[in-house]
Amino acid sequence: MIDLRVVRHEDIDQLYAISLATGDAGKDAAPLHRDGRLIGHIYSAPYAMLHPELVFVAEDDEGVFGYIAGVFDTIAFDERLEREWWPHLQRRYADPEGDPMLWNADQKRISLIHHPKRTPAPLVEKFPAHIHMNLLPRAQGKGIGTALLDHWIANALANGVTGVHLGVNASNHGGIRFWLSRGFVSVELPPGLASETTVWFGQFL
């Protein structure tokens, strides 16, 4: 039996594990990283710690195997991260130096901790909320992602959210197909704001 529920504090280590297992454009990123918690530091743990009411997990007899995490107000969340989340990680990890082209995967993630990327303003203006969702391979293709998404969207609608966005690695073709099939549309950004590595999607609610 599969249970969809609000995240609990004891789930956070599993969120880190799922983030790592799906962190290479949907594939296992463990071979790329010496520090397996870096991806979760950026994409899952801060949501569970700062806004647990907006993080839902899927759990079966083997444990938590998927999650959807997000916030209703991206700008306010970014400001809260600056105050409450990034500082302790910036003290823990030294900002990488040297040529970024020579950095390993850990150094690239650590640089994001020291220099967080803000979502392009035109995207946030139209779609103020944002989400991240990841499922272990054993859960994919079974409707779990759709169930988690529907649960999060229903909650957002009940709270007056008007639009939600997300970013997908451009090489994650399965992820791109999923979001397109769920009513999200690719959002073209003005020159200078577009990314070669990220495809942005948005949906009005």
N, C-alpha and C. Protein backbone atom coordinates (compact mmCIF):
# COMPACT_ATOMS: atom_id res chain seq x y z
N MET A 1 0.85 -1.20 0.00
CA MET A 1 0.00 0.00 0.00
C MET A 1 0.88 1.25 0.00
N ILE A 2 0.52 2.23 -0.81
CA ILE A 2 1.28 3.46 -0.92
C ILE A 2 0.57 4.58 -0.17
N ASP A 3 1.33 5.30 0.63
CA ASP A 3 0.80 6.39 1.44
C ASP A 3 1.43 7.69 0.97
N LEU A 4 0.61 8.69 0.67
CA LEU A 4 1.08 10.04 0.38
C LEU A 4 0.81 10.89 1.61
N ARG A 5 1.84 11.50 2.13
CA ARG A 5 1.69 12.25 3.39
C ARG A 5 2.67 13.41 3.43
N VAL A 6 2.45 14.28 4.41
CA VAL A 6 3.37 15.39 4.65
C VAL A 6 4.70 14.83 5.20
N VAL A 7 5.79 15.44 4.79
CA VAL A 7 7.11 15.00 5.24
C VAL A 7 7.24 15.11 6.75
N ARG A 8 8.01 14.21 7.32
CA ARG A 8 8.36 14.28 8.73
C ARG A 8 9.86 14.45 8.86
N HIS A 9 10.31 14.91 10.02
CA HIS A 9 11.74 15.17 10.20
C HIS A 9 12.56 13.91 9.97
N GLU A 10 12.03 12.76 10.37
CA GLU A 10 12.79 11.53 10.21
C GLU A 10 12.90 11.08 8.76
N ASP A 11 12.21 11.76 7.84
CA ASP A 11 12.31 11.44 6.41
C ASP A 11 13.48 12.14 5.73
N ILE A 12 14.09 13.10 6.38
CA ILE A 12 15.02 13.99 5.68
C ILE A 12 16.23 13.23 5.12
N ASP A 13 16.76 12.28 5.87
CA ASP A 13 17.88 11.52 5.32
C ASP A 13 17.50 10.80 4.04
N GLN A 14 16.26 10.32 3.95
CA GLN A 14 15.83 9.65 2.73
C GLN A 14 15.64 10.64 1.59
N LEU A 15 15.24 11.87 1.91
CA LEU A 15 15.18 12.89 0.86
C LEU A 15 16.56 13.14 0.27
N TYR A 16 17.57 13.18 1.14
CA TYR A 16 18.94 13.31 0.65
C TYR A 16 19.29 12.14 -0.27
N ALA A 17 18.93 10.94 0.14
CA ALA A 17 19.26 9.75 -0.64
C ALA A 17 18.57 9.76 -2.01
N ILE A 18 17.31 10.16 -2.03
CA ILE A 18 16.57 10.23 -3.29
C ILE A 18 17.15 11.31 -4.19
N SER A 19 17.51 12.44 -3.61
CA SER A 19 18.11 13.52 -4.39
C SER A 19 19.39 13.06 -5.08
N LEU A 20 20.20 12.30 -4.36
CA LEU A 20 21.44 11.79 -4.94
C LEU A 20 21.16 10.75 -6.01
N ALA A 21 20.21 9.86 -5.73
CA ALA A 21 19.92 8.76 -6.65
C ALA A 21 19.29 9.22 -7.95
N THR A 22 18.81 10.46 -8.00
CA THR A 22 18.17 11.00 -9.21
C THR A 22 18.85 12.27 -9.69
N GLY A 23 20.00 12.60 -9.12
CA GLY A 23 20.59 13.92 -9.31
C GLY A 23 21.39 14.14 -10.56
N ASP A 24 21.58 13.12 -11.38
CA ASP A 24 22.30 13.28 -12.64
C ASP A 24 21.29 13.24 -13.78
N ALA A 25 20.55 14.34 -13.94
CA ALA A 25 19.52 14.43 -14.98
C ALA A 25 18.55 13.26 -14.89
N GLY A 26 18.16 12.91 -13.66
CA GLY A 26 17.22 11.82 -13.43
C GLY A 26 17.88 10.49 -13.14
N LYS A 27 19.19 10.41 -13.35
CA LYS A 27 19.93 9.17 -13.09
C LYS A 27 20.72 9.29 -11.79
N ASP A 28 21.31 8.19 -11.36
CA ASP A 28 22.07 8.13 -10.11
C ASP A 28 23.31 9.00 -10.20
N ALA A 29 23.42 9.97 -9.30
CA ALA A 29 24.57 10.87 -9.29
C ALA A 29 25.65 10.43 -8.31
N ALA A 30 25.45 9.30 -7.61
CA ALA A 30 26.42 8.87 -6.62
C ALA A 30 27.83 8.71 -7.19
N PRO A 31 28.01 8.17 -8.41
CA PRO A 31 29.37 8.04 -8.94
C PRO A 31 30.08 9.37 -9.17
N LEU A 32 29.32 10.47 -9.21
CA LEU A 32 29.90 11.77 -9.51
C LEU A 32 30.36 12.52 -8.27
N HIS A 33 29.84 12.13 -7.10
CA HIS A 33 30.03 12.94 -5.89
C HIS A 33 30.76 12.18 -4.79
N ARG A 34 31.70 12.86 -4.17
CA ARG A 34 32.30 12.33 -2.94
C ARG A 34 31.40 12.63 -1.75
N ASP A 35 30.77 13.80 -1.76
CA ASP A 35 29.83 14.21 -0.70
C ASP A 35 28.42 14.00 -1.23
N GLY A 36 27.78 12.93 -0.78
CA GLY A 36 26.48 12.56 -1.29
C GLY A 36 25.33 13.42 -0.81
N ARG A 37 25.60 14.39 0.06
CA ARG A 37 24.51 15.22 0.59
C ARG A 37 24.40 16.58 -0.10
N LEU A 38 25.32 16.87 -1.00
CA LEU A 38 25.34 18.21 -1.60
C LEU A 38 24.07 18.50 -2.40
N ILE A 39 23.59 17.54 -3.17
CA ILE A 39 22.40 17.80 -3.99
C ILE A 39 21.19 18.06 -3.08
N GLY A 40 21.06 17.26 -2.04
CA GLY A 40 19.96 17.45 -1.11
C GLY A 40 20.02 18.76 -0.36
N HIS A 41 21.26 19.24 -0.09
CA HIS A 41 21.41 20.55 0.56
C HIS A 41 20.74 21.64 -0.25
N ILE A 42 20.69 21.47 -1.57
CA ILE A 42 20.18 22.51 -2.46
C ILE A 42 18.71 22.30 -2.83
N TYR A 43 18.34 21.05 -3.12
CA TYR A 43 17.06 20.82 -3.78
C TYR A 43 15.98 20.14 -2.95
N SER A 44 16.29 19.63 -1.77
CA SER A 44 15.23 18.97 -1.01
C SER A 44 15.23 19.34 0.48
N ALA A 45 16.37 19.22 1.14
CA ALA A 45 16.40 19.42 2.59
C ALA A 45 15.91 20.80 3.04
N PRO A 46 16.28 21.90 2.36
CA PRO A 46 15.80 23.20 2.86
C PRO A 46 14.29 23.33 2.84
N TYR A 47 13.64 22.69 1.91
CA TYR A 47 12.17 22.73 1.85
C TYR A 47 11.58 21.97 3.05
N ALA A 48 12.16 20.79 3.32
CA ALA A 48 11.64 19.99 4.42
C ALA A 48 11.91 20.64 5.77
N MET A 49 13.00 21.39 5.86
CA MET A 49 13.34 22.05 7.12
C MET A 49 12.58 23.36 7.32
N LEU A 50 12.42 24.13 6.26
CA LEU A 50 11.85 25.47 6.38
C LEU A 50 10.35 25.52 6.07
N HIS A 51 9.89 24.62 5.19
CA HIS A 51 8.46 24.60 4.83
C HIS A 51 7.98 23.15 4.75
N PRO A 52 8.03 22.41 5.85
CA PRO A 52 7.63 21.00 5.79
C PRO A 52 6.17 20.80 5.39
N GLU A 53 5.34 21.80 5.62
CA GLU A 53 3.92 21.67 5.27
C GLU A 53 3.71 21.65 3.75
N LEU A 54 4.76 22.00 2.98
CA LEU A 54 4.66 22.03 1.53
C LEU A 54 5.49 20.94 0.86
N VAL A 55 5.87 19.94 1.64
CA VAL A 55 6.63 18.80 1.11
C VAL A 55 5.82 17.54 1.38
N PHE A 56 5.56 16.78 0.32
CA PHE A 56 4.81 15.54 0.44
C PHE A 56 5.68 14.37 -0.05
N VAL A 57 5.57 13.26 0.65
CA VAL A 57 6.36 12.08 0.29
C VAL A 57 5.43 10.92 -0.04
N ALA A 58 5.97 10.00 -0.83
CA ALA A 58 5.29 8.74 -1.13
C ALA A 58 6.04 7.63 -0.41
N GLU A 59 5.28 6.80 0.31
CA GLU A 59 5.90 5.77 1.15
C GLU A 59 5.17 4.45 0.94
N ASP A 60 5.95 3.36 0.88
CA ASP A 60 5.37 2.02 0.85
C ASP A 60 6.03 1.18 1.94
N ASP A 61 5.88 -0.12 1.87
CA ASP A 61 6.42 -0.99 2.92
C ASP A 61 7.94 -0.93 3.01
N GLU A 62 8.60 -0.50 1.94
CA GLU A 62 10.05 -0.40 1.94
C GLU A 62 10.55 0.97 2.40
N GLY A 63 9.64 1.91 2.56
CA GLY A 63 10.03 3.24 3.01
C GLY A 63 9.67 4.32 2.02
N VAL A 64 10.15 5.53 2.27
CA VAL A 64 9.89 6.68 1.41
C VAL A 64 10.68 6.52 0.12
N PHE A 65 9.99 6.65 -1.02
CA PHE A 65 10.66 6.44 -2.30
C PHE A 65 10.46 7.59 -3.28
N GLY A 66 9.77 8.64 -2.86
CA GLY A 66 9.58 9.79 -3.72
C GLY A 66 9.11 10.99 -2.94
N TYR A 67 9.30 12.17 -3.51
CA TYR A 67 8.84 13.39 -2.83
C TYR A 67 8.54 14.48 -3.85
N ILE A 68 7.71 15.41 -3.45
CA ILE A 68 7.53 16.67 -4.14
C ILE A 68 7.69 17.77 -3.12
N ALA A 69 8.52 18.74 -3.44
CA ALA A 69 8.82 19.83 -2.52
C ALA A 69 8.67 21.15 -3.26
N GLY A 70 8.16 22.16 -2.59
CA GLY A 70 8.03 23.45 -3.24
C GLY A 70 7.62 24.52 -2.26
N VAL A 71 7.44 25.70 -2.80
CA VAL A 71 6.96 26.83 -2.00
C VAL A 71 5.99 27.64 -2.85
N PHE A 72 5.13 28.37 -2.19
CA PHE A 72 4.15 29.20 -2.89
C PHE A 72 4.75 30.53 -3.37
N ASP A 73 5.76 31.03 -2.66
CA ASP A 73 6.35 32.33 -2.96
C ASP A 73 7.86 32.15 -3.12
N THR A 74 8.31 32.06 -4.37
CA THR A 74 9.72 31.79 -4.64
C THR A 74 10.62 32.90 -4.14
N ILE A 75 10.23 34.14 -4.32
CA ILE A 75 11.07 35.26 -3.90
C ILE A 75 11.25 35.26 -2.39
N ALA A 76 10.17 35.08 -1.65
CA ALA A 76 10.26 35.06 -0.19
C ALA A 76 11.11 33.88 0.28
N PHE A 77 11.00 32.74 -0.40
CA PHE A 77 11.78 31.57 -0.01
C PHE A 77 13.27 31.82 -0.26
N ASP A 78 13.62 32.41 -1.39
CA ASP A 78 15.02 32.73 -1.66
C ASP A 78 15.59 33.63 -0.58
N GLU A 79 14.80 34.60 -0.14
CA GLU A 79 15.26 35.50 0.92
C GLU A 79 15.44 34.76 2.23
N ARG A 80 14.56 33.82 2.51
CA ARG A 80 14.68 33.04 3.73
C ARG A 80 15.90 32.11 3.68
N LEU A 81 16.17 31.55 2.51
CA LEU A 81 17.37 30.73 2.36
C LEU A 81 18.62 31.55 2.68
N GLU A 82 18.65 32.78 2.21
CA GLU A 82 19.81 33.64 2.47
C GLU A 82 20.00 33.88 3.95
N ARG A 83 18.91 33.97 4.69
CA ARG A 83 19.01 34.23 6.13
C ARG A 83 19.26 32.97 6.95
N GLU A 84 18.59 31.87 6.58
CA GLU A 84 18.48 30.74 7.50
C GLU A 84 19.11 29.45 7.01
N TRP A 85 19.42 29.34 5.73
CA TRP A 85 19.90 28.05 5.24
C TRP A 85 21.33 28.09 4.70
N TRP A 86 21.61 29.01 3.79
CA TRP A 86 22.94 29.02 3.18
C TRP A 86 24.07 29.34 4.14
N PRO A 87 23.90 30.25 5.13
CA PRO A 87 25.05 30.63 5.94
C PRO A 87 25.79 29.46 6.61
N HIS A 88 25.07 28.51 7.19
CA HIS A 88 25.78 27.42 7.88
C HIS A 88 26.48 26.50 6.89
N LEU A 89 25.91 26.36 5.68
CA LEU A 89 26.57 25.55 4.67
C LEU A 89 27.78 26.28 4.08
N GLN A 90 27.69 27.59 3.97
CA GLN A 90 28.82 28.36 3.47
C GLN A 90 29.99 28.32 4.45
N ARG A 91 29.70 28.21 5.73
CA ARG A 91 30.78 28.05 6.71
C ARG A 91 31.37 26.65 6.65
N ARG A 92 30.57 25.68 6.30
CA ARG A 92 31.01 24.29 6.26
C ARG A 92 31.86 23.98 5.03
N TYR A 93 31.48 24.57 3.89
CA TYR A 93 32.16 24.28 2.63
C TYR A 93 32.88 25.52 2.13
N ALA A 94 34.14 25.36 1.76
CA ALA A 94 34.91 26.47 1.22
C ALA A 94 34.49 26.74 -0.22
N ASP A 95 34.37 28.02 -0.54
CA ASP A 95 33.99 28.42 -1.89
C ASP A 95 35.09 27.97 -2.87
N PRO A 96 34.75 27.19 -3.90
CA PRO A 96 35.78 26.71 -4.82
C PRO A 96 36.51 27.85 -5.53
N GLU A 97 37.78 27.61 -5.79
CA GLU A 97 38.60 28.59 -6.51
C GLU A 97 39.11 27.97 -7.80
N GLY A 98 39.72 28.80 -8.62
CA GLY A 98 40.30 28.30 -9.85
C GLY A 98 39.31 28.32 -11.00
N ASP A 99 39.68 27.63 -12.06
CA ASP A 99 38.90 27.60 -13.29
C ASP A 99 37.65 26.72 -13.12
N PRO A 100 36.45 27.29 -13.22
CA PRO A 100 35.23 26.48 -13.06
C PRO A 100 35.15 25.33 -14.06
N MET A 101 35.79 25.46 -15.20
CA MET A 101 35.76 24.38 -16.18
C MET A 101 36.49 23.13 -15.67
N LEU A 102 37.32 23.30 -14.66
CA LEU A 102 38.08 22.18 -14.11
C LEU A 102 37.48 21.64 -12.82
N TRP A 103 36.39 22.24 -12.36
CA TRP A 103 35.78 21.80 -11.11
C TRP A 103 35.15 20.42 -11.28
N ASN A 104 35.18 19.65 -10.19
CA ASN A 104 34.45 18.38 -10.18
C ASN A 104 33.00 18.64 -9.77
N ALA A 105 32.20 17.58 -9.72
CA ALA A 105 30.78 17.74 -9.43
C ALA A 105 30.54 18.35 -8.05
N ASP A 106 31.34 17.95 -7.07
CA ASP A 106 31.18 18.52 -5.73
C ASP A 106 31.43 20.01 -5.75
N GLN A 107 32.49 20.43 -6.40
CA GLN A 107 32.82 21.85 -6.42
C GLN A 107 31.74 22.67 -7.13
N LYS A 108 31.14 22.12 -8.17
CA LYS A 108 30.07 22.84 -8.86
C LYS A 108 28.86 23.03 -7.94
N ARG A 109 28.52 22.00 -7.16
CA ARG A 109 27.39 22.14 -6.22
C ARG A 109 27.73 23.12 -5.10
N ILE A 110 28.96 23.06 -4.61
CA ILE A 110 29.37 23.95 -3.52
C ILE A 110 29.33 25.40 -3.99
N SER A 111 29.71 25.64 -5.24
CA SER A 111 29.65 27.00 -5.77
C SER A 111 28.21 27.52 -5.76
N LEU A 112 27.24 26.64 -6.03
CA LEU A 112 25.84 27.06 -5.98
C LEU A 112 25.41 27.42 -4.56
N ILE A 113 26.00 26.77 -3.58
CA ILE A 113 25.70 27.11 -2.18
C ILE A 113 26.22 28.51 -1.85
N HIS A 114 27.39 28.83 -2.37
CA HIS A 114 27.96 30.16 -2.10
C HIS A 114 27.37 31.24 -3.00
N HIS A 115 26.91 30.84 -4.17
CA HIS A 115 26.38 31.82 -5.13
C HIS A 115 25.06 31.28 -5.69
N PRO A 116 24.03 31.26 -4.85
CA PRO A 116 22.74 30.69 -5.29
C PRO A 116 22.20 31.41 -6.52
N LYS A 117 21.68 30.64 -7.45
CA LYS A 117 21.09 31.22 -8.64
C LYS A 117 19.64 31.60 -8.37
N ARG A 118 19.31 32.84 -8.65
CA ARG A 118 17.93 33.28 -8.51
C ARG A 118 17.16 32.94 -9.79
N THR A 119 15.92 32.55 -9.62
CA THR A 119 15.07 32.25 -10.76
C THR A 119 14.85 33.53 -11.56
N PRO A 120 14.93 33.46 -12.89
CA PRO A 120 14.71 34.66 -13.70
C PRO A 120 13.39 35.36 -13.36
N ALA A 121 13.47 36.67 -13.21
CA ALA A 121 12.30 37.45 -12.78
C ALA A 121 11.08 37.27 -13.66
N PRO A 122 11.22 37.23 -14.99
CA PRO A 122 10.01 37.06 -15.82
C PRO A 122 9.27 35.74 -15.53
N LEU A 123 10.01 34.73 -15.12
CA LEU A 123 9.39 33.45 -14.81
C LEU A 123 8.62 33.53 -13.50
N VAL A 124 9.24 34.15 -12.48
CA VAL A 124 8.60 34.25 -11.17
C VAL A 124 7.38 35.17 -11.23
N GLU A 125 7.44 36.20 -12.05
CA GLU A 125 6.32 37.12 -12.15
C GLU A 125 5.06 36.41 -12.63
N LYS A 126 5.21 35.48 -13.56
CA LYS A 126 4.06 34.75 -14.09
C LYS A 126 3.70 33.54 -13.23
N PHE A 127 4.72 32.88 -12.70
CA PHE A 127 4.52 31.62 -11.97
C PHE A 127 5.26 31.72 -10.62
N PRO A 128 4.64 32.35 -9.62
CA PRO A 128 5.36 32.66 -8.38
C PRO A 128 5.78 31.46 -7.54
N ALA A 129 5.07 30.35 -7.65
CA ALA A 129 5.43 29.15 -6.89
C ALA A 129 6.40 28.30 -7.70
N HIS A 130 7.09 27.39 -7.01
CA HIS A 130 7.92 26.43 -7.74
C HIS A 130 7.98 25.11 -7.00
N ILE A 131 8.35 24.06 -7.74
CA ILE A 131 8.41 22.71 -7.18
C ILE A 131 9.64 21.97 -7.68
N HIS A 132 10.02 20.94 -6.89
CA HIS A 132 10.97 19.91 -7.30
C HIS A 132 10.30 18.57 -6.99
N MET A 133 10.47 17.61 -7.87
CA MET A 133 9.92 16.29 -7.59
C MET A 133 10.89 15.22 -8.07
N ASN A 134 11.11 14.20 -7.23
CA ASN A 134 11.99 13.10 -7.61
C ASN A 134 11.45 11.79 -7.07
N LEU A 135 11.59 10.75 -7.87
CA LEU A 135 11.15 9.41 -7.51
C LEU A 135 12.28 8.43 -7.75
N LEU A 136 12.44 7.46 -6.86
CA LEU A 136 13.37 6.38 -7.11
C LEU A 136 12.89 5.56 -8.31
N PRO A 137 13.80 4.90 -9.01
CA PRO A 137 13.42 4.14 -10.22
C PRO A 137 12.29 3.14 -9.98
N ARG A 138 12.24 2.53 -8.80
CA ARG A 138 11.21 1.51 -8.57
C ARG A 138 9.80 2.11 -8.52
N ALA A 139 9.71 3.44 -8.43
CA ALA A 139 8.39 4.08 -8.36
C ALA A 139 7.97 4.72 -9.66
N GLN A 140 8.88 4.80 -10.62
CA GLN A 140 8.59 5.54 -11.84
C GLN A 140 7.69 4.74 -12.77
N GLY A 141 6.83 5.46 -13.48
CA GLY A 141 5.93 4.83 -14.42
C GLY A 141 4.72 4.16 -13.80
N LYS A 142 4.43 4.47 -12.54
CA LYS A 142 3.32 3.83 -11.84
C LYS A 142 2.25 4.83 -11.38
N GLY A 143 2.36 6.06 -11.86
CA GLY A 143 1.37 7.06 -11.49
C GLY A 143 1.65 7.77 -10.18
N ILE A 144 2.79 7.46 -9.54
CA ILE A 144 3.09 8.08 -8.25
C ILE A 144 3.43 9.55 -8.42
N GLY A 145 4.20 9.86 -9.46
CA GLY A 145 4.53 11.25 -9.71
C GLY A 145 3.28 12.09 -9.94
N THR A 146 2.37 11.58 -10.73
CA THR A 146 1.12 12.30 -10.98
C THR A 146 0.33 12.49 -9.69
N ALA A 147 0.30 11.47 -8.85
CA ALA A 147 -0.44 11.58 -7.59
C ALA A 147 0.18 12.63 -6.68
N LEU A 148 1.51 12.64 -6.58
CA LEU A 148 2.19 13.65 -5.76
C LEU A 148 1.94 15.05 -6.31
N LEU A 149 2.03 15.19 -7.63
CA LEU A 149 1.80 16.49 -8.25
C LEU A 149 0.38 16.96 -8.02
N ASP A 150 -0.58 16.10 -8.22
CA ASP A 150 -1.98 16.49 -8.01
C ASP A 150 -2.21 16.92 -6.57
N HIS A 151 -1.59 16.23 -5.64
CA HIS A 151 -1.73 16.55 -4.22
C HIS A 151 -1.18 17.95 -3.94
N TRP A 152 0.00 18.24 -4.50
CA TRP A 152 0.63 19.54 -4.26
C TRP A 152 -0.18 20.65 -4.93
N ILE A 153 -0.61 20.42 -6.16
CA ILE A 153 -1.37 21.43 -6.88
C ILE A 153 -2.70 21.74 -6.19
N ALA A 154 -3.37 20.71 -5.69
CA ALA A 154 -4.64 20.93 -4.99
C ALA A 154 -4.42 21.81 -3.76
N ASN A 155 -3.33 21.57 -3.06
CA ASN A 155 -3.01 22.38 -1.89
C ASN A 155 -2.70 23.82 -2.31
N ALA A 156 -1.96 23.98 -3.42
CA ALA A 156 -1.62 25.32 -3.90
C ALA A 156 -2.88 26.08 -4.31
N LEU A 157 -3.79 25.41 -5.02
CA LEU A 157 -5.03 26.05 -5.43
C LEU A 157 -5.85 26.51 -4.22
N ALA A 158 -5.90 25.67 -3.20
CA ALA A 158 -6.65 26.00 -1.99
C ALA A 158 -6.07 27.20 -1.27
N ASN A 159 -4.80 27.50 -1.56
CA ASN A 159 -4.13 28.63 -0.91
C ASN A 159 -3.95 29.82 -1.86
N GLY A 160 -4.67 29.80 -2.97
CA GLY A 160 -4.70 30.96 -3.85
C GLY A 160 -3.49 31.14 -4.75
N VAL A 161 -2.69 30.11 -4.94
CA VAL A 161 -1.53 30.21 -5.83
C VAL A 161 -2.02 30.30 -7.28
N THR A 162 -1.41 31.19 -8.05
CA THR A 162 -1.88 31.44 -9.41
C THR A 162 -1.03 30.77 -10.49
N GLY A 163 0.18 30.36 -10.15
CA GLY A 163 1.04 29.73 -11.14
C GLY A 163 2.24 29.09 -10.49
N VAL A 164 2.77 28.03 -11.11
CA VAL A 164 3.90 27.30 -10.56
C VAL A 164 4.89 27.00 -11.69
N HIS A 165 6.18 27.04 -11.35
CA HIS A 165 7.20 26.75 -12.34
C HIS A 165 8.18 25.71 -11.81
N LEU A 166 8.98 25.19 -12.70
CA LEU A 166 10.04 24.24 -12.33
C LEU A 166 11.07 24.23 -13.43
N GLY A 167 12.26 23.77 -13.08
CA GLY A 167 13.33 23.64 -14.05
C GLY A 167 13.72 22.18 -14.22
N VAL A 168 14.02 21.78 -15.44
CA VAL A 168 14.42 20.41 -15.74
C VAL A 168 15.74 20.45 -16.50
N ASN A 169 16.67 19.57 -16.13
CA ASN A 169 17.90 19.46 -16.88
C ASN A 169 17.58 19.15 -18.35
N ALA A 170 18.21 19.86 -19.25
CA ALA A 170 17.90 19.72 -20.67
C ALA A 170 18.14 18.32 -21.20
N SER A 171 18.99 17.54 -20.53
CA SER A 171 19.25 16.16 -20.97
C SER A 171 18.34 15.13 -20.32
N ASN A 172 17.45 15.59 -19.44
CA ASN A 172 16.50 14.68 -18.78
C ASN A 172 15.24 14.56 -19.64
N HIS A 173 15.34 13.78 -20.70
CA HIS A 173 14.26 13.73 -21.68
C HIS A 173 12.99 13.10 -21.10
N GLY A 174 13.15 12.12 -20.21
CA GLY A 174 11.98 11.54 -19.58
C GLY A 174 11.25 12.53 -18.72
N GLY A 175 12.01 13.35 -17.97
CA GLY A 175 11.39 14.38 -17.15
C GLY A 175 10.67 15.41 -17.98
N ILE A 176 11.26 15.81 -19.09
CA ILE A 176 10.62 16.79 -19.97
C ILE A 176 9.30 16.25 -20.51
N ARG A 177 9.31 14.98 -20.93
CA ARG A 177 8.06 14.38 -21.43
C ARG A 177 7.00 14.34 -20.34
N PHE A 178 7.42 14.02 -19.11
CA PHE A 178 6.45 13.94 -18.00
C PHE A 178 5.77 15.29 -17.79
N TRP A 179 6.55 16.35 -17.68
CA TRP A 179 5.95 17.65 -17.35
C TRP A 179 5.08 18.16 -18.49
N LEU A 180 5.49 17.93 -19.72
CA LEU A 180 4.65 18.32 -20.84
C LEU A 180 3.32 17.56 -20.83
N SER A 181 3.36 16.31 -20.42
CA SER A 181 2.14 15.50 -20.40
C SER A 181 1.22 15.88 -19.25
N ARG A 182 1.71 16.67 -18.31
CA ARG A 182 0.91 17.06 -17.14
C ARG A 182 0.46 18.51 -17.21
N GLY A 183 0.45 19.08 -18.40
CA GLY A 183 -0.11 20.41 -18.59
C GLY A 183 0.86 21.55 -18.43
N PHE A 184 2.12 21.27 -18.19
CA PHE A 184 3.12 22.34 -18.11
C PHE A 184 3.58 22.70 -19.52
N VAL A 185 3.95 23.96 -19.71
CA VAL A 185 4.43 24.41 -21.01
C VAL A 185 5.84 24.96 -20.85
N SER A 186 6.64 24.78 -21.87
CA SER A 186 7.99 25.33 -21.87
C SER A 186 7.91 26.85 -21.94
N VAL A 187 8.72 27.51 -21.12
CA VAL A 187 8.69 28.97 -21.03
C VAL A 187 9.95 29.52 -21.67
N GLU A 188 9.79 30.31 -22.72
CA GLU A 188 10.92 30.97 -23.37
C GLU A 188 11.27 32.24 -22.61
N LEU A 189 12.54 32.39 -22.29
CA LEU A 189 13.00 33.57 -21.56
C LEU A 189 13.74 34.51 -22.49
N PRO A 190 13.79 35.79 -22.13
CA PRO A 190 14.49 36.77 -22.97
C PRO A 190 15.98 36.42 -23.10
N PRO A 191 16.62 36.89 -24.17
CA PRO A 191 18.07 36.66 -24.32
C PRO A 191 18.83 37.14 -23.09
N GLY A 192 19.79 36.35 -22.68
CA GLY A 192 20.57 36.68 -21.49
C GLY A 192 20.06 36.01 -20.24
N LEU A 193 18.79 35.58 -20.24
CA LEU A 193 18.22 34.90 -19.09
C LEU A 193 18.02 33.41 -19.34
N ALA A 194 18.00 33.03 -20.60
CA ALA A 194 17.83 31.61 -20.94
C ALA A 194 19.07 30.82 -20.54
N SER A 195 18.87 29.52 -20.32
CA SER A 195 19.96 28.64 -19.91
C SER A 195 20.11 27.50 -20.90
N GLU A 196 21.35 27.14 -21.21
CA GLU A 196 21.59 26.02 -22.11
C GLU A 196 21.34 24.68 -21.42
N THR A 197 21.41 24.67 -20.10
CA THR A 197 21.31 23.41 -19.36
C THR A 197 19.97 23.18 -18.70
N THR A 198 19.12 24.21 -18.61
CA THR A 198 17.84 24.09 -17.92
C THR A 198 16.69 24.44 -18.85
N VAL A 199 15.68 23.58 -18.86
CA VAL A 199 14.43 23.89 -19.55
C VAL A 199 13.42 24.31 -18.48
N TRP A 200 12.88 25.50 -18.61
CA TRP A 200 11.92 25.99 -17.64
C TRP A 200 10.50 25.69 -18.10
N PHE A 201 9.67 25.27 -17.14
CA PHE A 201 8.27 24.99 -17.41
C PHE A 201 7.40 25.79 -16.44
N GLY A 202 6.21 26.14 -16.91
CA GLY A 202 5.26 26.84 -16.07
C GLY A 202 3.85 26.37 -16.32
N GLN A 203 2.99 26.58 -15.33
CA GLN A 203 1.58 26.25 -15.47
C GLN A 203 0.76 27.24 -14.66
N PHE A 204 -0.25 27.85 -15.30
CA PHE A 204 -1.17 28.71 -14.57
C PHE A 204 -2.19 27.81 -13.85
N LEU A 205 -2.53 28.20 -12.63
CA LEU A 205 -3.46 27.39 -11.84
C LEU A 205 -4.82 28.10 -11.78
